[in-house]
Protein backbone atom coordinates (compact mmCIF):
# COMPACT_ATOMS: atom_id res chain seq x y z
CA UNK A 1 17.40 48.36 14.70
CA UNK A 2 14.57 47.21 12.59
CA UNK A 3 12.54 44.09 13.20
CA UNK A 4 12.98 41.70 10.23
CA UNK A 5 10.85 38.81 11.45
CA UNK A 6 8.19 37.85 8.89
CA UNK A 7 4.56 38.31 9.81
CA UNK A 8 2.52 35.10 10.19
CA UNK A 9 0.18 34.27 7.30
CA UNK A 10 -3.54 34.87 7.85
CA UNK A 11 -5.50 31.81 9.05
CA UNK A 12 -7.88 31.88 6.08
CA UNK A 13 -4.97 31.48 3.72
CA UNK A 14 -4.43 27.92 5.00
CA UNK A 15 -7.93 26.98 3.77
CA UNK A 16 -7.41 28.41 0.28
CA UNK A 17 -6.31 25.12 -1.42
CA UNK A 18 -9.32 23.26 0.00
CA UNK A 19 -11.68 26.06 -1.06
CA UNK A 20 -10.17 26.05 -4.56
CA UNK A 21 -10.63 22.30 -4.91
CA UNK A 22 -14.22 22.61 -3.65
CA UNK A 23 -14.98 25.35 -6.16
CA UNK A 24 -13.43 23.28 -8.94
CA UNK A 25 -15.55 20.24 -8.06
CA UNK A 26 -18.71 22.35 -7.79
CA UNK A 27 -18.05 23.87 -11.21
CA UNK A 28 -17.47 20.47 -12.75
CA UNK A 29 -20.72 19.14 -11.26
CA UNK A 30 -22.70 22.13 -12.50
CA UNK A 31 -21.21 21.80 -15.98
CA UNK A 32 -21.88 18.05 -16.04
CA UNK A 33 -25.46 18.58 -14.85
CA UNK A 34 -26.06 21.13 -17.59
CA UNK A 35 -24.66 18.74 -20.17
CA UNK A 36 -26.89 15.90 -18.96
CA UNK A 37 -29.91 18.21 -18.98
CA UNK A 38 -29.11 19.28 -22.54
CA UNK A 39 -28.84 15.64 -23.65
CA UNK A 40 -32.21 14.83 -22.05
CA UNK A 41 -33.86 17.78 -23.79
CA UNK A 42 -32.40 16.77 -27.15
CA UNK A 43 -33.61 13.20 -26.60
CA UNK A 44 -37.14 14.46 -25.95
CA UNK A 45 -37.02 16.63 -29.07
CA UNK A 46 -35.83 13.72 -31.19
CA UNK A 47 -38.67 11.54 -29.87
CA UNK A 48 -41.21 14.24 -30.78
CA UNK A 49 -39.72 14.62 -34.27
CA UNK A 50 -39.80 10.85 -34.82
CA UNK A 51 -43.46 10.76 -33.78
CA UNK A 52 -44.23 13.62 -36.16
CA UNK A 53 -42.45 11.76 -38.98
CA UNK A 54 -44.57 8.65 -38.31
CA UNK A 55 -47.74 10.74 -38.40
CA UNK A 56 -46.63 12.36 -41.65
CA UNK A 57 -46.02 8.93 -43.18
CA UNK A 58 -49.53 7.82 -42.15
CA UNK A 59 -51.00 10.94 -43.74
CA UNK A 60 -49.02 10.29 -46.92
CA UNK A 61 -50.29 6.71 -47.08
CA UNK A 62 -53.91 7.82 -46.63
CA UNK A 63 -53.49 10.54 -49.25
CA UNK A 64 -52.07 8.02 -51.72
CA UNK A 65 -55.01 5.66 -51.13
CA UNK A 66 -57.51 8.48 -51.55
CA UNK A 67 -55.85 9.62 -54.78
CA UNK A 68 -55.89 6.05 -56.10
CA UNK A 69 -59.60 5.72 -55.33
CA UNK A 70 -60.26 9.09 -56.92
CA UNK A 71 -58.43 8.00 -60.08
CA UNK A 72 -60.63 4.92 -60.25
CA UNK A 73 -63.84 6.88 -59.71
CA UNK A 74 -62.95 9.91 -61.84
CA UNK A 75 -60.23 9.39 -64.46
CA UNK A 76 -57.54 12.05 -64.74
CA UNK A 77 -58.86 13.34 -68.09
CA UNK A 78 -62.31 14.05 -66.65
CA UNK A 79 -60.85 15.91 -63.69
CA UNK A 80 -58.75 18.15 -65.95
CA UNK A 81 -61.73 18.85 -68.20
CA UNK A 82 -63.81 20.01 -65.22
CA UNK A 83 -61.29 22.68 -64.21
């Protein structure tokens, strides 16, 4: 006669659902943390670009004022004749 009684399941197998849920939560937290980090980095980059745009506008304003003063001091025709 052969013994047909099933073998008992290993003890670690009982913890498998809990381990799976833990791994799922850990993965979600890591993914969420990476997403938040990416958003922070993009926010910093946008702030830097906005500051650069403001500086560029200031430079453009100064250049326009200098060109206007230059036109008053030396008319356009005289500048072209000197070239």
